[in-house]
């Protein structure tokens, strides 16, 4: 699924690298607020859904090859996080909906769970 379609499904605003949203295809999604778990489950090309909005989320995504991050639940995303995403070329989206709802919507669209890929 194109990242642009995912943004619509999640009512998300694209905060960085808007020029990439039509070019990135997402098949696998992982969700976590613990970056140590992200390091364990991440697959290059997956979408990360998280409630954390610190620059460390973006750095972690960069290390494991995640092209896009959706920050959920938060009212705002700090400028430092947006700047980090811009500098590292990672698409950053912001959706105010809860993580559970976001994951449910993506599941309905037949995106794969990263756990299903690991087994």
N, C-alpha and C. Protein backbone atom coordinates (compact mmCIF):
# COMPACT_ATOMS: atom_id res chain seq x y z
N UNK A 1 0.85 -1.17 0.00
CA UNK A 1 0.00 0.00 0.00
C UNK A 1 0.90 1.24 0.00
N UNK A 2 0.55 2.18 -0.80
CA UNK A 2 1.31 3.43 -0.85
C UNK A 2 1.21 4.17 0.48
N UNK A 3 2.29 4.80 0.86
CA UNK A 3 2.31 5.56 2.10
C UNK A 3 1.27 6.68 2.07
N UNK A 4 1.02 7.23 0.91
CA UNK A 4 0.01 8.28 0.78
C UNK A 4 -1.38 7.75 1.15
N UNK A 5 -1.67 6.50 0.80
CA UNK A 5 -2.95 5.88 1.15
C UNK A 5 -3.03 5.64 2.66
N UNK A 6 -1.92 5.22 3.24
CA UNK A 6 -1.86 5.00 4.68
C UNK A 6 -2.14 6.30 5.43
N UNK A 7 -1.57 7.38 4.94
CA UNK A 7 -1.81 8.69 5.57
C UNK A 7 -3.30 9.02 5.58
N UNK A 8 -3.98 8.72 4.51
CA UNK A 8 -5.42 8.98 4.45
C UNK A 8 -6.19 8.09 5.43
N UNK A 9 -5.83 6.81 5.47
CA UNK A 9 -6.51 5.86 6.36
C UNK A 9 -6.37 6.29 7.82
N UNK A 10 -5.21 6.84 8.16
CA UNK A 10 -4.93 7.22 9.54
C UNK A 10 -5.22 8.70 9.84
N UNK A 11 -5.78 9.40 8.85
CA UNK A 11 -6.01 10.85 9.01
C UNK A 11 -4.72 11.54 9.47
N UNK A 12 -3.62 11.15 8.86
CA UNK A 12 -2.31 11.63 9.28
C UNK A 12 -1.82 12.78 8.42
N UNK A 13 -1.11 13.66 9.06
CA UNK A 13 -0.46 14.77 8.38
C UNK A 13 0.99 14.37 8.11
N UNK A 14 1.46 14.61 6.90
CA UNK A 14 2.85 14.33 6.56
C UNK A 14 3.68 15.53 7.00
N UNK A 15 4.63 15.27 7.90
CA UNK A 15 5.46 16.35 8.46
C UNK A 15 6.79 16.52 7.76
N UNK A 16 7.31 15.46 7.15
CA UNK A 16 8.60 15.54 6.46
C UNK A 16 8.59 14.69 5.20
N UNK A 17 9.46 15.04 4.29
CA UNK A 17 9.71 14.24 3.07
C UNK A 17 8.43 13.93 2.30
N UNK A 18 7.56 14.92 2.19
CA UNK A 18 6.28 14.72 1.51
C UNK A 18 6.45 14.21 0.08
N UNK A 19 7.55 14.54 -0.53
CA UNK A 19 7.80 14.11 -1.91
C UNK A 19 7.97 12.60 -2.04
N UNK A 20 8.19 11.90 -0.94
CA UNK A 20 8.41 10.45 -0.96
C UNK A 20 7.14 9.63 -0.76
N UNK A 21 6.05 10.22 -0.31
CA UNK A 21 4.88 9.43 0.09
C UNK A 21 4.25 8.65 -1.05
N UNK A 22 4.38 9.11 -2.26
CA UNK A 22 3.83 8.37 -3.41
C UNK A 22 4.77 7.26 -3.87
N UNK A 23 6.03 7.33 -3.47
CA UNK A 23 7.02 6.36 -3.93
C UNK A 23 7.24 5.19 -2.98
N UNK A 24 6.81 5.33 -1.74
CA UNK A 24 7.07 4.29 -0.74
C UNK A 24 5.88 3.35 -0.64
N UNK A 25 6.15 2.06 -0.87
CA UNK A 25 5.15 1.01 -0.69
C UNK A 25 5.40 0.32 0.64
N UNK A 26 4.36 0.16 1.41
CA UNK A 26 4.45 -0.48 2.72
C UNK A 26 3.65 -1.79 2.67
N UNK A 27 4.29 -2.87 3.10
CA UNK A 27 3.62 -4.16 3.20
C UNK A 27 3.57 -4.67 4.63
N UNK A 28 4.52 -4.19 5.46
CA UNK A 28 4.68 -4.70 6.81
C UNK A 28 4.62 -3.54 7.80
N UNK A 29 3.93 -3.76 8.93
CA UNK A 29 3.78 -2.74 9.96
C UNK A 29 4.18 -3.32 11.31
N UNK A 30 4.90 -2.52 12.07
CA UNK A 30 5.21 -2.86 13.45
C UNK A 30 4.81 -1.69 14.33
N UNK A 31 4.36 -2.00 15.53
CA UNK A 31 3.94 -0.95 16.46
C UNK A 31 4.58 -1.19 17.82
N UNK A 32 5.20 -0.15 18.36
CA UNK A 32 5.81 -0.28 19.68
C UNK A 32 6.18 1.10 20.20
N UNK A 33 6.15 1.20 21.53
CA UNK A 33 6.65 2.40 22.19
C UNK A 33 8.02 2.12 22.81
N UNK A 34 8.49 0.91 22.69
CA UNK A 34 9.81 0.56 23.23
C UNK A 34 10.79 0.39 22.08
N UNK A 35 11.76 1.27 22.01
CA UNK A 35 12.70 1.23 20.90
C UNK A 35 13.58 -0.02 20.94
N UNK A 36 13.79 -0.59 22.11
CA UNK A 36 14.54 -1.86 22.18
C UNK A 36 13.76 -2.95 21.46
N UNK A 37 12.43 -2.95 21.55
CA UNK A 37 11.62 -3.92 20.80
C UNK A 37 11.70 -3.65 19.30
N UNK A 38 11.69 -2.40 18.93
CA UNK A 38 11.79 -2.05 17.50
C UNK A 38 13.10 -2.59 16.92
N UNK A 39 14.17 -2.47 17.67
CA UNK A 39 15.46 -3.00 17.20
C UNK A 39 15.39 -4.51 16.98
N UNK A 40 14.58 -5.20 17.75
CA UNK A 40 14.45 -6.66 17.62
C UNK A 40 13.53 -7.09 16.48
N UNK A 41 12.44 -6.36 16.27
CA UNK A 41 11.42 -6.81 15.31
C UNK A 41 11.51 -6.15 13.94
N UNK A 42 12.27 -5.09 13.83
CA UNK A 42 12.24 -4.27 12.61
C UNK A 42 12.71 -5.03 11.38
N UNK A 43 12.05 -4.73 10.29
CA UNK A 43 12.44 -5.20 8.97
C UNK A 43 12.59 -3.98 8.07
N UNK A 44 13.63 -3.95 7.25
CA UNK A 44 13.76 -2.80 6.34
C UNK A 44 12.49 -2.63 5.50
N UNK A 45 12.05 -1.41 5.38
CA UNK A 45 10.87 -1.12 4.58
C UNK A 45 9.56 -1.15 5.33
N UNK A 46 9.59 -1.53 6.61
CA UNK A 46 8.34 -1.56 7.36
C UNK A 46 7.94 -0.16 7.82
N UNK A 47 6.68 -0.02 8.18
CA UNK A 47 6.17 1.20 8.77
C UNK A 47 6.17 1.03 10.28
N UNK A 48 6.68 2.01 10.99
CA UNK A 48 6.66 1.99 12.45
C UNK A 48 5.54 2.89 12.95
N UNK A 49 4.68 2.33 13.79
CA UNK A 49 3.62 3.09 14.46
C UNK A 49 4.02 3.17 15.93
N UNK A 50 4.11 4.39 16.44
CA UNK A 50 4.54 4.57 17.83
C UNK A 50 3.87 5.77 18.46
N UNK A 51 3.80 5.73 19.78
CA UNK A 51 3.29 6.86 20.53
C UNK A 51 4.40 7.77 21.03
N UNK A 52 5.64 7.35 20.84
CA UNK A 52 6.76 8.19 21.25
C UNK A 52 7.02 9.26 20.21
N UNK A 53 7.37 10.44 20.67
CA UNK A 53 7.60 11.52 19.71
C UNK A 53 8.96 12.18 19.88
N UNK A 54 9.93 11.45 20.38
CA UNK A 54 11.27 12.00 20.58
C UNK A 54 12.15 11.72 19.36
N UNK A 55 13.22 12.48 19.20
CA UNK A 55 14.15 12.23 18.08
C UNK A 55 14.73 10.82 18.09
N UNK A 56 14.80 10.19 19.26
CA UNK A 56 15.34 8.84 19.34
C UNK A 56 14.55 7.84 18.49
N UNK A 57 13.26 8.06 18.35
CA UNK A 57 12.43 7.20 17.50
C UNK A 57 12.94 7.23 16.06
N UNK A 58 13.25 8.42 15.60
CA UNK A 58 13.72 8.59 14.23
C UNK A 58 15.11 7.97 14.06
N UNK A 59 15.96 8.16 15.04
CA UNK A 59 17.30 7.57 14.97
C UNK A 59 17.22 6.05 14.93
N UNK A 60 16.33 5.49 15.73
CA UNK A 60 16.15 4.04 15.74
C UNK A 60 15.65 3.56 14.38
N UNK A 61 14.67 4.24 13.83
CA UNK A 61 14.16 3.89 12.50
C UNK A 61 15.27 3.93 11.46
N UNK A 62 16.11 4.91 11.54
CA UNK A 62 17.21 5.05 10.59
C UNK A 62 18.18 3.87 10.69
N UNK A 63 18.48 3.45 11.90
CA UNK A 63 19.43 2.34 12.12
C UNK A 63 18.94 1.05 11.46
N UNK A 64 17.65 0.78 11.53
CA UNK A 64 17.13 -0.50 11.04
C UNK A 64 16.49 -0.43 9.65
N UNK A 65 16.54 0.72 9.00
CA UNK A 65 16.06 0.83 7.63
C UNK A 65 14.56 1.04 7.49
N UNK A 66 13.95 1.66 8.48
CA UNK A 66 12.53 1.98 8.41
C UNK A 66 12.37 3.32 7.67
N UNK A 67 11.63 3.34 6.55
CA UNK A 67 11.53 4.57 5.76
C UNK A 67 10.50 5.57 6.27
N UNK A 68 9.57 5.10 7.12
CA UNK A 68 8.48 5.99 7.56
C UNK A 68 8.02 5.64 8.97
N UNK A 69 7.68 6.69 9.72
CA UNK A 69 7.22 6.55 11.09
C UNK A 69 5.92 7.33 11.23
N UNK A 70 4.94 6.70 11.89
CA UNK A 70 3.70 7.39 12.23
C UNK A 70 3.66 7.55 13.74
N UNK A 71 3.61 8.79 14.18
CA UNK A 71 3.46 9.07 15.61
C UNK A 71 1.97 9.25 15.87
N UNK A 72 1.46 8.44 16.80
CA UNK A 72 0.03 8.47 17.14
C UNK A 72 -0.16 9.00 18.55
N UNK A 73 -1.40 9.31 18.87
CA UNK A 73 -1.83 9.73 20.22
C UNK A 73 -1.43 11.14 20.62
N UNK A 74 -0.31 11.63 20.21
CA UNK A 74 0.20 12.90 20.69
C UNK A 74 -0.50 14.07 20.02
N UNK A 75 -0.60 15.16 20.74
CA UNK A 75 -1.20 16.37 20.18
C UNK A 75 -0.22 17.09 19.26
N UNK A 76 1.07 17.01 19.58
CA UNK A 76 2.09 17.68 18.76
C UNK A 76 3.33 16.80 18.65
N UNK A 77 4.16 17.14 17.68
CA UNK A 77 5.45 16.49 17.50
C UNK A 77 6.51 17.58 17.68
N UNK A 78 7.49 17.36 18.56
CA UNK A 78 8.50 18.40 18.80
C UNK A 78 9.31 18.74 17.55
N UNK A 79 9.70 19.99 17.44
CA UNK A 79 10.50 20.42 16.28
C UNK A 79 11.80 19.61 16.13
N UNK A 80 12.39 19.19 17.25
CA UNK A 80 13.64 18.41 17.19
C UNK A 80 13.41 17.08 16.48
N UNK A 81 12.25 16.48 16.71
CA UNK A 81 11.93 15.21 16.07
C UNK A 81 11.71 15.41 14.57
N UNK A 82 11.01 16.46 14.23
CA UNK A 82 10.76 16.78 12.81
C UNK A 82 12.09 17.06 12.11
N UNK A 83 12.95 17.85 12.73
CA UNK A 83 14.26 18.16 12.14
C UNK A 83 15.11 16.91 11.94
N UNK A 84 15.09 16.01 12.92
CA UNK A 84 15.85 14.77 12.80
C UNK A 84 15.35 13.94 11.62
N UNK A 85 14.04 13.84 11.48
CA UNK A 85 13.46 13.09 10.36
C UNK A 85 13.85 13.72 9.02
N UNK A 86 13.78 15.04 8.94
CA UNK A 86 14.19 15.73 7.71
C UNK A 86 15.64 15.43 7.37
N UNK A 87 16.50 15.57 8.37
CA UNK A 87 17.94 15.36 8.15
C UNK A 87 18.28 13.94 7.75
N UNK A 88 17.52 12.97 8.23
CA UNK A 88 17.80 11.57 7.92
C UNK A 88 16.97 11.05 6.74
N UNK A 89 16.09 11.89 6.20
CA UNK A 89 15.30 11.50 5.02
C UNK A 89 14.21 10.49 5.33
N UNK A 90 13.71 10.50 6.54
CA UNK A 90 12.64 9.58 6.94
C UNK A 90 11.30 10.33 6.90
N UNK A 91 10.31 9.69 6.29
CA UNK A 91 8.98 10.30 6.24
C UNK A 91 8.37 10.20 7.63
N UNK A 92 7.93 11.32 8.15
CA UNK A 92 7.32 11.38 9.46
C UNK A 92 5.87 11.83 9.31
N UNK A 93 4.98 11.02 9.85
CA UNK A 93 3.56 11.33 9.83
C UNK A 93 3.06 11.49 11.25
N UNK A 94 2.01 12.29 11.41
CA UNK A 94 1.40 12.47 12.73
C UNK A 94 -0.09 12.23 12.63
N UNK A 95 -0.58 11.31 13.47
CA UNK A 95 -2.00 11.01 13.54
C UNK A 95 -2.44 11.09 14.99
N UNK A 96 -3.48 11.84 15.29
CA UNK A 96 -3.92 11.98 16.69
C UNK A 96 -4.71 10.78 17.21
N UNK A 97 -4.98 9.79 16.38
CA UNK A 97 -5.79 8.65 16.82
C UNK A 97 -4.97 7.71 17.72
N UNK A 98 -5.64 6.92 18.53
CA UNK A 98 -4.92 5.98 19.41
C UNK A 98 -4.20 4.89 18.60
N UNK A 99 -3.15 4.33 19.18
CA UNK A 99 -2.37 3.30 18.50
C UNK A 99 -3.25 2.08 18.15
N UNK A 100 -4.09 1.68 19.07
CA UNK A 100 -4.96 0.52 18.84
C UNK A 100 -5.82 0.73 17.59
N UNK A 101 -6.40 1.90 17.47
CA UNK A 101 -7.25 2.21 16.32
C UNK A 101 -6.41 2.26 15.04
N UNK A 102 -5.25 2.89 15.12
CA UNK A 102 -4.37 2.97 13.95
C UNK A 102 -4.00 1.58 13.45
N UNK A 103 -3.59 0.71 14.36
CA UNK A 103 -3.21 -0.65 13.97
C UNK A 103 -4.41 -1.41 13.41
N UNK A 104 -5.56 -1.21 14.00
CA UNK A 104 -6.76 -1.86 13.49
C UNK A 104 -7.10 -1.44 12.08
N UNK A 105 -6.98 -0.17 11.81
CA UNK A 105 -7.26 0.33 10.45
C UNK A 105 -6.27 -0.24 9.44
N UNK A 106 -5.01 -0.34 9.82
CA UNK A 106 -4.00 -0.88 8.91
C UNK A 106 -4.20 -2.38 8.71
N UNK A 107 -4.60 -3.08 9.75
CA UNK A 107 -4.91 -4.51 9.65
C UNK A 107 -6.07 -4.74 8.69
N UNK A 108 -7.10 -3.90 8.79
CA UNK A 108 -8.24 -4.01 7.88
C UNK A 108 -7.83 -3.86 6.42
N UNK A 109 -6.76 -3.12 6.19
CA UNK A 109 -6.28 -2.89 4.82
C UNK A 109 -5.33 -4.00 4.36
N UNK A 110 -5.23 -5.06 5.16
CA UNK A 110 -4.46 -6.27 4.82
C UNK A 110 -2.95 -6.07 4.85
N UNK A 111 -2.49 -5.06 5.59
CA UNK A 111 -1.04 -4.93 5.77
C UNK A 111 -0.58 -6.01 6.74
N UNK A 112 0.61 -6.52 6.52
CA UNK A 112 1.13 -7.64 7.31
C UNK A 112 1.73 -7.15 8.62
N UNK A 113 1.57 -7.98 9.63
CA UNK A 113 2.19 -7.75 10.94
C UNK A 113 3.62 -8.24 10.89
N UNK A 114 4.53 -7.45 11.40
CA UNK A 114 5.94 -7.84 11.39
C UNK A 114 6.15 -9.16 12.12
N UNK A 115 5.37 -9.44 13.15
CA UNK A 115 5.50 -10.71 13.87
C UNK A 115 5.20 -11.89 12.97
N UNK A 116 4.26 -11.74 12.06
CA UNK A 116 3.93 -12.80 11.12
C UNK A 116 5.06 -13.09 10.14
N UNK A 117 5.88 -12.09 9.89
CA UNK A 117 7.01 -12.23 8.99
C UNK A 117 8.15 -12.96 9.69
N UNK A 118 8.30 -12.73 10.99
CA UNK A 118 9.42 -13.31 11.75
C UNK A 118 9.28 -14.82 11.88
N UNK A 119 8.07 -15.31 12.06
CA UNK A 119 7.84 -16.75 12.31
C UNK A 119 8.27 -17.62 11.17
